[in-house]
């Protein structure tokens, strides 16, 4: 199996600045795949306007790339039309190498118990956005990751994205601060006899 490198971001909320900062930080063509966990174009009734808010311009920038979208609570049918994509699922099961992931926006965890969800899923990792707070935590034996928000971070966390790198039986998760380009959280796992072990 070759090396896999995945970019996961969430909650752009129509910010062109957020996307331009991402393009400055990374060569986006270097990623095996890109996933956006939702709340793409609309700022939402509970949020202020993010810096660089221009949904129409953001659409044109996003359409230049092949992006896998997860539907967020601020996303509408019209977003699929303007982005020219056939579907935007609410949840997706993915494999990055031999590691299994559930990708979801995360608003379901406001009403449903994330501990129960983690216990019931067969995936090793759950990745969600929605809260605008980057994190890694272990819940019910699964690892829950949140890339944070690229535009409107909360709880004194930076604007951020998540990069997953898989090489053979090792997975490295790196959280990048969009304001300074630095990695500020880094965690590593490996598979040993099909068991997932956290190394750092």
N, C-alpha and C. Protein backbone atom coordinates (compact mmCIF):
# COMPACT_ATOMS: atom_id res chain seq x y z
N UNK A 1 0.84 -1.19 0.00
CA UNK A 1 0.00 0.00 0.00
C UNK A 1 0.88 1.25 0.00
N UNK A 2 0.54 2.21 -0.84
CA UNK A 2 1.30 3.45 -0.89
C UNK A 2 0.91 4.40 0.23
N UNK A 3 1.64 5.47 0.31
CA UNK A 3 1.38 6.49 1.32
C UNK A 3 0.10 7.23 1.00
N UNK A 4 -0.70 7.49 2.04
CA UNK A 4 -1.97 8.20 1.89
C UNK A 4 -1.88 9.50 2.68
N UNK A 5 -2.30 10.59 2.06
CA UNK A 5 -2.28 11.89 2.73
C UNK A 5 -3.63 12.57 2.48
N UNK A 6 -4.36 12.83 3.56
CA UNK A 6 -5.73 13.32 3.47
C UNK A 6 -5.86 14.65 4.21
N UNK A 7 -6.51 15.61 3.57
CA UNK A 7 -6.81 16.89 4.20
C UNK A 7 -8.28 16.89 4.63
N UNK A 8 -8.53 17.20 5.89
CA UNK A 8 -9.90 17.29 6.40
C UNK A 8 -10.10 18.68 7.00
N UNK A 9 -11.13 19.37 6.51
CA UNK A 9 -11.44 20.70 7.04
C UNK A 9 -12.93 20.80 7.28
N UNK A 10 -13.33 21.86 7.97
CA UNK A 10 -14.74 22.04 8.27
C UNK A 10 -15.06 23.50 8.50
N UNK A 11 -16.35 23.82 8.36
CA UNK A 11 -16.88 25.11 8.81
C UNK A 11 -16.15 26.31 8.21
N UNK A 12 -16.11 26.36 6.87
CA UNK A 12 -15.58 27.55 6.20
C UNK A 12 -16.58 28.71 6.27
N UNK A 13 -17.87 28.38 6.31
CA UNK A 13 -18.93 29.39 6.46
C UNK A 13 -18.78 30.57 5.50
N UNK A 14 -18.43 30.26 4.25
CA UNK A 14 -18.39 31.29 3.21
C UNK A 14 -17.16 32.16 3.18
N UNK A 15 -16.14 31.82 3.96
CA UNK A 15 -14.94 32.67 4.06
C UNK A 15 -13.94 32.36 2.95
N UNK A 16 -13.76 33.31 2.04
CA UNK A 16 -12.74 33.19 1.00
C UNK A 16 -11.35 33.25 1.63
N UNK A 17 -11.19 34.08 2.64
CA UNK A 17 -9.89 34.20 3.31
C UNK A 17 -9.44 32.85 3.86
N UNK A 18 -10.36 32.10 4.46
CA UNK A 18 -10.01 30.80 5.01
C UNK A 18 -9.44 29.89 3.93
N UNK A 19 -10.09 29.89 2.76
CA UNK A 19 -9.63 29.02 1.68
C UNK A 19 -8.30 29.52 1.11
N UNK A 20 -8.16 30.81 0.95
CA UNK A 20 -6.90 31.35 0.43
C UNK A 20 -5.74 31.06 1.38
N UNK A 21 -5.99 31.12 2.67
CA UNK A 21 -4.94 30.79 3.64
C UNK A 21 -4.55 29.32 3.53
N UNK A 22 -5.53 28.48 3.25
CA UNK A 22 -5.28 27.05 3.07
C UNK A 22 -4.42 26.81 1.83
N UNK A 23 -4.73 27.52 0.75
CA UNK A 23 -3.95 27.39 -0.49
C UNK A 23 -2.52 27.89 -0.31
N UNK A 24 -2.33 28.88 0.54
CA UNK A 24 -0.97 29.37 0.82
C UNK A 24 -0.16 28.36 1.63
N UNK A 25 -0.85 27.65 2.51
CA UNK A 25 -0.17 26.72 3.41
C UNK A 25 0.19 25.40 2.74
N UNK A 26 -0.68 24.92 1.85
CA UNK A 26 -0.50 23.60 1.24
C UNK A 26 -0.56 23.67 -0.28
N UNK A 27 0.15 22.72 -0.90
CA UNK A 27 -0.10 22.40 -2.30
C UNK A 27 -1.25 21.40 -2.28
N UNK A 28 -2.45 21.86 -2.57
CA UNK A 28 -3.63 21.01 -2.41
C UNK A 28 -3.63 19.81 -3.35
N UNK A 29 -2.86 19.89 -4.44
CA UNK A 29 -2.78 18.75 -5.36
C UNK A 29 -1.95 17.61 -4.77
N UNK A 30 -1.26 17.87 -3.66
CA UNK A 30 -0.42 16.83 -3.04
C UNK A 30 -1.22 15.84 -2.20
N UNK A 31 -2.50 16.14 -1.95
CA UNK A 31 -3.30 15.26 -1.10
C UNK A 31 -3.97 14.15 -1.91
N UNK A 32 -3.99 12.97 -1.32
CA UNK A 32 -4.70 11.85 -1.93
C UNK A 32 -6.18 12.17 -2.06
N UNK A 33 -6.74 12.80 -1.04
CA UNK A 33 -8.14 13.23 -1.07
C UNK A 33 -8.34 14.39 -0.10
N UNK A 34 -9.42 15.16 -0.35
CA UNK A 34 -9.80 16.29 0.49
C UNK A 34 -11.24 16.09 0.92
N UNK A 35 -11.49 16.25 2.22
CA UNK A 35 -12.85 16.14 2.76
C UNK A 35 -13.21 17.44 3.47
N UNK A 36 -14.40 17.94 3.16
CA UNK A 36 -14.96 19.12 3.84
C UNK A 36 -16.16 18.62 4.65
N UNK A 37 -16.12 18.82 5.97
CA UNK A 37 -17.14 18.26 6.86
C UNK A 37 -18.37 19.15 7.02
N UNK A 38 -18.57 20.10 6.11
CA UNK A 38 -19.83 20.82 6.09
C UNK A 38 -19.80 22.23 6.65
N UNK A 39 -20.95 22.90 6.53
CA UNK A 39 -21.10 24.34 6.79
C UNK A 39 -20.12 25.09 5.88
N UNK A 40 -20.40 24.97 4.60
CA UNK A 40 -19.47 25.39 3.56
C UNK A 40 -19.61 26.87 3.20
N UNK A 41 -20.84 27.28 2.83
CA UNK A 41 -21.02 28.60 2.22
C UNK A 41 -21.75 29.61 3.09
N UNK A 42 -22.69 29.16 3.89
CA UNK A 42 -23.54 30.08 4.65
C UNK A 42 -22.96 30.28 6.05
N UNK A 43 -22.99 31.52 6.56
CA UNK A 43 -22.40 31.78 7.87
C UNK A 43 -23.25 31.24 9.01
N UNK A 44 -24.56 31.10 8.79
CA UNK A 44 -25.44 30.55 9.82
C UNK A 44 -25.98 31.62 10.75
N UNK A 45 -27.19 31.42 11.28
CA UNK A 45 -27.84 32.44 12.11
C UNK A 45 -27.20 32.65 13.47
N UNK A 46 -26.37 31.70 13.92
CA UNK A 46 -25.77 31.81 15.25
C UNK A 46 -24.35 32.37 15.21
N UNK A 47 -23.84 32.61 14.00
CA UNK A 47 -22.45 33.03 13.86
C UNK A 47 -22.34 34.46 13.32
N UNK A 48 -21.27 35.16 13.66
CA UNK A 48 -20.99 36.44 12.98
C UNK A 48 -20.49 36.16 11.57
N UNK A 49 -20.45 37.18 10.74
CA UNK A 49 -19.85 37.02 9.41
C UNK A 49 -18.35 36.79 9.57
N UNK A 50 -17.82 35.73 8.95
CA UNK A 50 -16.37 35.53 9.05
C UNK A 50 -15.62 36.52 8.16
N UNK A 51 -14.35 36.69 8.45
CA UNK A 51 -13.52 37.56 7.63
C UNK A 51 -13.47 37.02 6.20
N UNK A 52 -13.62 37.90 5.22
CA UNK A 52 -13.57 37.48 3.82
C UNK A 52 -14.83 36.76 3.38
N UNK A 53 -15.97 37.06 3.99
CA UNK A 53 -17.22 36.36 3.65
C UNK A 53 -17.67 36.72 2.24
N UNK A 54 -17.65 35.72 1.36
CA UNK A 54 -18.08 35.89 -0.02
C UNK A 54 -18.39 34.51 -0.59
N UNK A 55 -19.59 33.98 -0.30
CA UNK A 55 -19.92 32.62 -0.73
C UNK A 55 -19.78 32.39 -2.23
N UNK A 56 -20.17 33.38 -3.03
CA UNK A 56 -20.10 33.21 -4.49
C UNK A 56 -18.66 33.02 -4.95
N UNK A 57 -17.76 33.83 -4.43
CA UNK A 57 -16.34 33.69 -4.80
C UNK A 57 -15.76 32.39 -4.27
N UNK A 58 -16.17 32.00 -3.07
CA UNK A 58 -15.68 30.74 -2.50
C UNK A 58 -16.09 29.55 -3.36
N UNK A 59 -17.32 29.58 -3.88
CA UNK A 59 -17.78 28.51 -4.77
C UNK A 59 -16.81 28.32 -5.92
N UNK A 60 -16.41 29.41 -6.56
CA UNK A 60 -15.53 29.31 -7.72
C UNK A 60 -14.17 28.73 -7.34
N UNK A 61 -13.69 29.05 -6.16
CA UNK A 61 -12.41 28.50 -5.70
C UNK A 61 -12.52 27.01 -5.39
N UNK A 62 -13.61 26.62 -4.73
CA UNK A 62 -13.79 25.22 -4.36
C UNK A 62 -13.96 24.33 -5.59
N UNK A 63 -14.61 24.84 -6.61
CA UNK A 63 -14.89 24.04 -7.81
C UNK A 63 -13.62 23.67 -8.58
N UNK A 64 -12.51 24.29 -8.26
CA UNK A 64 -11.25 23.96 -8.93
C UNK A 64 -10.66 22.65 -8.43
N UNK A 65 -11.20 22.14 -7.32
CA UNK A 65 -10.64 20.94 -6.69
C UNK A 65 -11.68 19.83 -6.59
N UNK A 66 -11.18 18.62 -6.50
CA UNK A 66 -12.07 17.48 -6.26
C UNK A 66 -12.20 17.31 -4.75
N UNK A 67 -13.33 17.71 -4.21
CA UNK A 67 -13.55 17.71 -2.77
C UNK A 67 -14.73 16.81 -2.44
N UNK A 68 -14.57 16.00 -1.41
CA UNK A 68 -15.66 15.18 -0.89
C UNK A 68 -16.35 15.96 0.22
N UNK A 69 -17.64 16.21 0.06
CA UNK A 69 -18.37 17.04 1.01
C UNK A 69 -19.29 16.21 1.90
N UNK A 70 -19.32 16.56 3.17
CA UNK A 70 -20.31 16.05 4.12
C UNK A 70 -21.27 17.21 4.42
N UNK A 71 -22.55 16.91 4.47
CA UNK A 71 -23.54 17.97 4.64
C UNK A 71 -23.62 18.43 6.09
N UNK A 72 -23.52 19.74 6.29
CA UNK A 72 -23.65 20.33 7.62
C UNK A 72 -25.02 20.93 7.83
N UNK A 73 -25.29 21.38 9.03
CA UNK A 73 -26.61 21.93 9.34
C UNK A 73 -26.87 23.28 8.68
N UNK A 74 -25.83 23.95 8.18
CA UNK A 74 -26.01 25.22 7.46
C UNK A 74 -26.01 25.04 5.95
N UNK A 75 -25.91 23.81 5.46
CA UNK A 75 -25.86 23.55 4.02
C UNK A 75 -27.25 23.24 3.48
N UNK A 76 -27.53 23.72 2.26
CA UNK A 76 -28.85 23.58 1.65
C UNK A 76 -28.74 22.95 0.27
N UNK A 77 -29.89 22.57 -0.30
CA UNK A 77 -29.90 21.96 -1.63
C UNK A 77 -29.28 22.87 -2.68
N UNK A 78 -29.48 24.18 -2.52
CA UNK A 78 -28.92 25.11 -3.51
C UNK A 78 -27.39 25.06 -3.51
N UNK A 79 -26.78 24.68 -2.39
CA UNK A 79 -25.32 24.58 -2.33
C UNK A 79 -24.81 23.48 -3.27
N UNK A 80 -25.55 22.37 -3.35
CA UNK A 80 -25.17 21.31 -4.28
C UNK A 80 -25.20 21.82 -5.71
N UNK A 81 -26.22 22.63 -6.03
CA UNK A 81 -26.34 23.16 -7.39
C UNK A 81 -25.17 24.07 -7.74
N UNK A 82 -24.88 25.03 -6.87
CA UNK A 82 -23.82 25.99 -7.21
C UNK A 82 -22.44 25.33 -7.19
N UNK A 83 -22.25 24.33 -6.33
CA UNK A 83 -20.98 23.61 -6.29
C UNK A 83 -20.87 22.56 -7.39
N UNK A 84 -22.02 22.30 -8.06
CA UNK A 84 -22.08 21.33 -9.15
C UNK A 84 -21.66 19.94 -8.71
N UNK A 85 -22.25 19.52 -7.59
CA UNK A 85 -22.01 18.17 -7.08
C UNK A 85 -23.34 17.44 -6.98
N UNK A 86 -23.36 16.11 -7.25
CA UNK A 86 -24.63 15.38 -7.27
C UNK A 86 -25.21 15.08 -5.91
N UNK A 87 -24.36 14.97 -4.90
CA UNK A 87 -24.86 14.61 -3.57
C UNK A 87 -23.93 15.15 -2.49
N UNK A 88 -24.50 15.25 -1.29
CA UNK A 88 -23.73 15.68 -0.13
C UNK A 88 -24.26 14.87 1.06
N UNK A 89 -23.67 13.70 1.31
CA UNK A 89 -24.19 12.83 2.37
C UNK A 89 -23.99 13.44 3.76
N UNK A 90 -24.82 13.02 4.69
CA UNK A 90 -24.69 13.49 6.08
C UNK A 90 -23.62 12.71 6.84
N UNK A 91 -23.30 11.53 6.34
CA UNK A 91 -22.31 10.69 7.01
C UNK A 91 -21.62 9.83 5.97
N UNK A 92 -20.34 9.54 6.19
CA UNK A 92 -19.60 8.72 5.24
C UNK A 92 -18.62 7.82 5.98
N UNK A 93 -18.53 6.58 5.54
CA UNK A 93 -17.55 5.63 6.06
C UNK A 93 -16.39 5.57 5.07
N UNK A 94 -15.19 5.79 5.55
CA UNK A 94 -14.02 5.83 4.68
C UNK A 94 -12.90 4.98 5.27
N UNK A 95 -12.05 4.46 4.38
CA UNK A 95 -10.82 3.79 4.80
C UNK A 95 -9.64 4.57 4.26
N UNK A 96 -8.75 4.97 5.15
CA UNK A 96 -7.48 5.57 4.76
C UNK A 96 -6.42 4.53 5.09
N UNK A 97 -5.92 3.87 4.06
CA UNK A 97 -5.11 2.69 4.29
C UNK A 97 -5.97 1.63 4.95
N UNK A 98 -5.47 1.05 6.04
CA UNK A 98 -6.23 0.03 6.77
C UNK A 98 -6.98 0.60 7.96
N UNK A 99 -7.04 1.91 8.07
CA UNK A 99 -7.70 2.57 9.20
C UNK A 99 -9.10 3.02 8.79
N UNK A 100 -10.08 2.74 9.65
CA UNK A 100 -11.48 3.02 9.32
C UNK A 100 -11.96 4.30 10.00
N UNK A 101 -12.71 5.09 9.24
CA UNK A 101 -13.18 6.39 9.69
C UNK A 101 -14.67 6.58 9.42
N UNK A 102 -15.36 7.20 10.36
CA UNK A 102 -16.69 7.78 10.12
C UNK A 102 -16.50 9.29 10.04
N UNK A 103 -17.00 9.89 8.96
CA UNK A 103 -16.94 11.34 8.79
C UNK A 103 -18.36 11.88 8.85
N UNK A 104 -18.58 12.88 9.68
CA UNK A 104 -19.91 13.43 9.90
C UNK A 104 -19.75 14.90 10.30
N UNK A 105 -20.77 15.72 10.02
CA UNK A 105 -20.63 17.13 10.41
C UNK A 105 -20.59 17.27 11.93
N UNK A 106 -21.57 16.68 12.61
CA UNK A 106 -21.51 16.67 14.07
C UNK A 106 -22.69 17.25 14.80
N UNK A 107 -23.63 17.87 14.08
CA UNK A 107 -24.79 18.43 14.79
C UNK A 107 -25.65 17.34 15.43
N UNK A 108 -25.52 16.11 14.93
CA UNK A 108 -26.29 15.00 15.53
C UNK A 108 -25.89 14.76 16.98
N UNK A 109 -24.69 15.17 17.34
CA UNK A 109 -24.23 14.94 18.71
C UNK A 109 -24.81 15.95 19.70
N UNK A 110 -25.54 16.94 19.21
CA UNK A 110 -26.25 17.85 20.11
C UNK A 110 -27.45 17.15 20.74
N UNK A 111 -28.07 16.24 19.98
CA UNK A 111 -29.27 15.55 20.46
C UNK A 111 -29.00 14.10 20.81
N UNK A 112 -28.00 13.52 20.19
CA UNK A 112 -27.69 12.11 20.42
C UNK A 112 -26.36 12.00 21.16
N UNK A 113 -26.24 10.94 21.92
CA UNK A 113 -25.09 10.74 22.77
C UNK A 113 -23.88 10.28 21.95
N UNK A 114 -22.79 11.06 21.96
CA UNK A 114 -21.62 10.68 21.19
C UNK A 114 -20.97 9.41 21.75
N UNK A 115 -21.12 9.19 23.07
CA UNK A 115 -20.58 7.96 23.67
C UNK A 115 -21.28 6.74 23.09
N UNK A 116 -22.60 6.84 22.96
CA UNK A 116 -23.37 5.72 22.39
C UNK A 116 -23.03 5.52 20.92
N UNK A 117 -22.91 6.62 20.19
CA UNK A 117 -22.55 6.55 18.77
C UNK A 117 -21.18 5.88 18.61
N UNK A 118 -20.22 6.29 19.42
CA UNK A 118 -18.88 5.72 19.34
C UNK A 118 -18.88 4.24 19.69
N UNK A 119 -19.67 3.88 20.68
CA UNK A 119 -19.74 2.48 21.09
C UNK A 119 -20.34 1.61 19.99
N UNK A 120 -21.32 2.16 19.26
CA UNK A 120 -22.04 1.37 18.27
C UNK A 120 -21.33 1.30 16.92
N UNK A 121 -20.45 2.26 16.61
CA UNK A 121 -19.81 2.25 15.30
C UNK A 121 -18.67 1.25 15.26
N UNK A 122 -18.44 0.69 14.08
CA UNK A 122 -17.34 -0.25 13.91
C UNK A 122 -16.04 0.48 13.54
N UNK A 123 -16.15 1.75 13.18
CA UNK A 123 -14.97 2.52 12.77
C UNK A 123 -14.03 2.77 13.95
N UNK A 124 -12.75 2.89 13.65
CA UNK A 124 -11.75 3.18 14.69
C UNK A 124 -11.72 4.66 15.04
N UNK A 125 -12.06 5.50 14.06
CA UNK A 125 -12.00 6.95 14.23
C UNK A 125 -13.33 7.59 13.84
N UNK A 126 -13.73 8.61 14.58
CA UNK A 126 -14.86 9.46 14.22
C UNK A 126 -14.31 10.86 14.04
N UNK A 127 -14.57 11.46 12.88
CA UNK A 127 -14.10 12.82 12.64
C UNK A 127 -15.33 13.69 12.37
N UNK A 128 -15.46 14.77 13.13
CA UNK A 128 -16.61 15.66 12.95
C UNK A 128 -16.19 17.11 13.13
N UNK A 129 -17.01 18.01 12.58
CA UNK A 129 -16.81 19.43 12.75
C UNK A 129 -17.88 19.98 13.68
N UNK A 130 -18.52 21.09 13.26
CA UNK A 130 -19.70 21.69 13.89
C UNK A 130 -19.40 22.53 15.12
N UNK A 131 -18.56 22.06 16.03
CA UNK A 131 -18.33 22.80 17.28
C UNK A 131 -17.35 23.95 17.12
N UNK A 132 -16.56 23.93 16.03
CA UNK A 132 -15.53 24.94 15.78
C UNK A 132 -14.40 24.86 16.82
N UNK A 133 -14.25 23.69 17.44
CA UNK A 133 -13.21 23.49 18.46
C UNK A 133 -12.39 22.26 18.08
N UNK A 134 -11.11 22.45 17.79
CA UNK A 134 -10.26 21.32 17.42
C UNK A 134 -9.96 20.46 18.64
N UNK A 135 -9.89 19.13 18.41
CA UNK A 135 -9.64 18.23 19.54
C UNK A 135 -9.29 16.83 19.06
N UNK A 136 -8.69 16.08 19.97
CA UNK A 136 -8.57 14.63 19.87
C UNK A 136 -8.93 14.08 21.23
N UNK A 137 -9.86 13.14 21.27
CA UNK A 137 -10.17 12.49 22.54
C UNK A 137 -10.61 11.06 22.29
N UNK A 138 -10.47 10.23 23.31
CA UNK A 138 -10.92 8.84 23.22
C UNK A 138 -12.27 8.73 23.92
N UNK A 139 -13.25 8.19 23.19
CA UNK A 139 -14.60 8.02 23.72
C UNK A 139 -15.08 6.62 23.39
N UNK A 140 -15.45 5.88 24.40
CA UNK A 140 -15.99 4.52 24.23
C UNK A 140 -15.08 3.66 23.34
N UNK A 141 -13.78 3.81 23.53
CA UNK A 141 -12.83 2.98 22.80
C UNK A 141 -12.53 3.43 21.38
N UNK A 142 -13.12 4.55 20.96
CA UNK A 142 -12.86 5.10 19.62
C UNK A 142 -12.17 6.46 19.76
N UNK A 143 -11.45 6.84 18.72
CA UNK A 143 -10.79 8.15 18.75
C UNK A 143 -11.63 9.16 17.98
N UNK A 144 -11.97 10.25 18.66
CA UNK A 144 -12.81 11.29 18.09
C UNK A 144 -11.94 12.51 17.81
N UNK A 145 -11.93 12.93 16.55
CA UNK A 145 -11.11 14.06 16.11
C UNK A 145 -12.02 15.14 15.54
N UNK A 146 -11.66 16.38 15.79
CA UNK A 146 -12.37 17.52 15.22
C UNK A 146 -11.32 18.47 14.64
N UNK A 147 -11.38 18.75 13.33
CA UNK A 147 -10.37 19.63 12.73
C UNK A 147 -10.50 21.09 13.14
N UNK A 148 -11.59 21.44 13.83
CA UNK A 148 -11.84 22.84 14.17
C UNK A 148 -12.45 23.56 12.98
N UNK A 149 -12.51 24.87 13.06
CA UNK A 149 -13.07 25.69 11.98
C UNK A 149 -11.96 26.46 11.28
N UNK A 150 -12.08 26.57 9.96
CA UNK A 150 -11.12 27.36 9.19
C UNK A 150 -11.41 28.85 9.29
N UNK A 151 -12.61 29.22 9.78
CA UNK A 151 -13.01 30.63 9.72
C UNK A 151 -13.45 31.24 11.04
N UNK A 152 -14.15 30.46 11.87
CA UNK A 152 -14.74 31.00 13.09
C UNK A 152 -14.45 30.08 14.28
N UNK A 153 -13.19 29.98 14.71
CA UNK A 153 -12.86 29.08 15.82
C UNK A 153 -13.46 29.57 17.14
N UNK A 154 -13.67 28.62 18.04
CA UNK A 154 -14.24 28.94 19.35
C UNK A 154 -13.36 28.39 20.46
N UNK A 155 -13.66 28.80 21.69
CA UNK A 155 -12.96 28.33 22.90
C UNK A 155 -11.45 28.55 22.84
N UNK A 156 -11.05 29.68 22.28
CA UNK A 156 -9.63 30.05 22.22
C UNK A 156 -8.77 29.08 21.42
N UNK A 157 -9.40 28.34 20.50
CA UNK A 157 -8.63 27.49 19.59
C UNK A 157 -8.34 28.28 18.32
N UNK A 158 -7.29 27.92 17.58
CA UNK A 158 -6.97 28.66 16.35
C UNK A 158 -7.83 28.19 15.17
N UNK A 159 -7.84 28.99 14.11
CA UNK A 159 -8.39 28.51 12.83
C UNK A 159 -7.50 27.34 12.40
N UNK A 160 -8.13 26.23 12.01
CA UNK A 160 -7.30 25.03 11.85
C UNK A 160 -7.88 24.03 10.86
N UNK A 161 -7.00 23.11 10.45
CA UNK A 161 -7.36 21.97 9.61
C UNK A 161 -6.61 20.74 10.13
N UNK A 162 -7.05 19.59 9.65
CA UNK A 162 -6.46 18.31 10.06
C UNK A 162 -5.86 17.62 8.84
N UNK A 163 -4.64 17.13 8.98
CA UNK A 163 -4.01 16.32 7.94
C UNK A 163 -3.75 14.93 8.50
N UNK A 164 -4.23 13.92 7.77
CA UNK A 164 -4.02 12.51 8.13
C UNK A 164 -3.00 11.93 7.17
N UNK A 165 -1.93 11.34 7.71
CA UNK A 165 -0.92 10.69 6.89
C UNK A 165 -0.84 9.22 7.29
N UNK A 166 -1.00 8.34 6.32
CA UNK A 166 -0.95 6.90 6.57
C UNK A 166 0.19 6.30 5.77
N UNK A 167 1.04 5.55 6.45
CA UNK A 167 2.16 4.87 5.80
C UNK A 167 2.26 3.48 6.39
N UNK A 168 1.97 2.47 5.57
CA UNK A 168 1.93 1.09 6.05
C UNK A 168 0.95 0.96 7.22
N UNK A 169 1.44 0.61 8.41
CA UNK A 169 0.54 0.40 9.55
C UNK A 169 0.59 1.55 10.55
N UNK A 170 1.01 2.72 10.10
CA UNK A 170 1.13 3.89 10.96
C UNK A 170 0.23 5.02 10.46
N UNK A 171 -0.45 5.67 11.39
CA UNK A 171 -1.29 6.83 11.07
C UNK A 171 -0.85 8.01 11.91
N UNK A 172 -0.63 9.14 11.26
CA UNK A 172 -0.23 10.37 11.93
C UNK A 172 -1.29 11.43 11.69
N UNK A 173 -1.80 12.03 12.77
CA UNK A 173 -2.77 13.12 12.67
C UNK A 173 -2.08 14.41 13.07
N UNK A 174 -2.14 15.40 12.18
CA UNK A 174 -1.52 16.70 12.44
C UNK A 174 -2.56 17.80 12.31
N UNK A 175 -2.67 18.64 13.32
CA UNK A 175 -3.56 19.80 13.29
C UNK A 175 -2.71 21.03 12.98
N UNK A 176 -3.07 21.73 11.92
CA UNK A 176 -2.33 22.92 11.50
C UNK A 176 -3.07 24.19 11.87
N UNK A 177 -2.36 25.13 12.45
CA UNK A 177 -2.88 26.46 12.75
C UNK A 177 -2.82 27.28 11.46
N UNK A 178 -3.98 27.72 10.96
CA UNK A 178 -4.01 28.47 9.71
C UNK A 178 -3.40 29.86 9.82
N UNK A 179 -3.31 30.38 11.03
CA UNK A 179 -2.77 31.72 11.20
C UNK A 179 -1.25 31.77 11.11
N UNK A 180 -0.58 30.70 11.57
CA UNK A 180 0.89 30.72 11.51
C UNK A 180 1.49 29.54 10.74
N UNK A 181 0.64 28.63 10.26
CA UNK A 181 1.12 27.50 9.47
C UNK A 181 1.79 26.40 10.26
N UNK A 182 1.76 26.48 11.59
CA UNK A 182 2.46 25.51 12.43
C UNK A 182 1.55 24.36 12.85
N UNK A 183 2.16 23.19 13.05
CA UNK A 183 1.45 22.05 13.64
C UNK A 183 1.37 22.29 15.14
N UNK A 184 0.17 22.24 15.71
CA UNK A 184 0.04 22.49 17.15
C UNK A 184 -0.52 21.29 17.92
N UNK A 185 -1.02 20.29 17.21
CA UNK A 185 -1.35 19.00 17.82
C UNK A 185 -0.86 17.92 16.87
N UNK A 186 -0.20 16.91 17.41
CA UNK A 186 0.28 15.80 16.57
C UNK A 186 0.15 14.51 17.37
N UNK A 187 -0.52 13.54 16.78
CA UNK A 187 -0.73 12.26 17.46
C UNK A 187 -0.53 11.12 16.46
N UNK A 188 0.04 10.02 16.97
CA UNK A 188 0.38 8.90 16.11
C UNK A 188 -0.24 7.61 16.63
N UNK A 189 -0.72 6.78 15.70
CA UNK A 189 -1.24 5.45 16.03
C UNK A 189 -0.58 4.43 15.12
N UNK A 190 -0.60 3.18 15.56
CA UNK A 190 -0.16 2.11 14.67
C UNK A 190 -1.03 0.88 14.88
N UNK A 191 -1.09 0.07 13.84
CA UNK A 191 -1.81 -1.19 13.92
C UNK A 191 -0.82 -2.30 14.23
N UNK A 192 -1.14 -3.09 15.25
CA UNK A 192 -0.33 -4.26 15.58
C UNK A 192 -1.27 -5.43 15.77
N UNK A 193 -1.15 -6.42 14.89
CA UNK A 193 -2.05 -7.58 14.93
C UNK A 193 -3.50 -7.13 14.95
N UNK A 194 -3.82 -6.17 14.07
CA UNK A 194 -5.18 -5.61 13.91
C UNK A 194 -5.65 -4.78 15.09
N UNK A 195 -4.80 -4.56 16.09
CA UNK A 195 -5.17 -3.73 17.24
C UNK A 195 -4.60 -2.32 17.04
N UNK A 196 -5.44 -1.31 17.34
CA UNK A 196 -5.03 0.07 17.19
C UNK A 196 -4.35 0.56 18.46
N UNK A 197 -3.10 1.00 18.34
CA UNK A 197 -2.33 1.46 19.50
C UNK A 197 -1.94 2.92 19.32
N UNK A 198 -2.20 3.73 20.33
CA UNK A 198 -1.81 5.13 20.30
C UNK A 198 -0.38 5.25 20.81
N UNK A 199 0.49 5.91 20.04
CA UNK A 199 1.90 5.99 20.41
C UNK A 199 2.28 7.32 21.03
N UNK A 200 1.56 8.39 20.71
CA UNK A 200 1.90 9.71 21.28
C UNK A 200 0.69 10.61 21.27
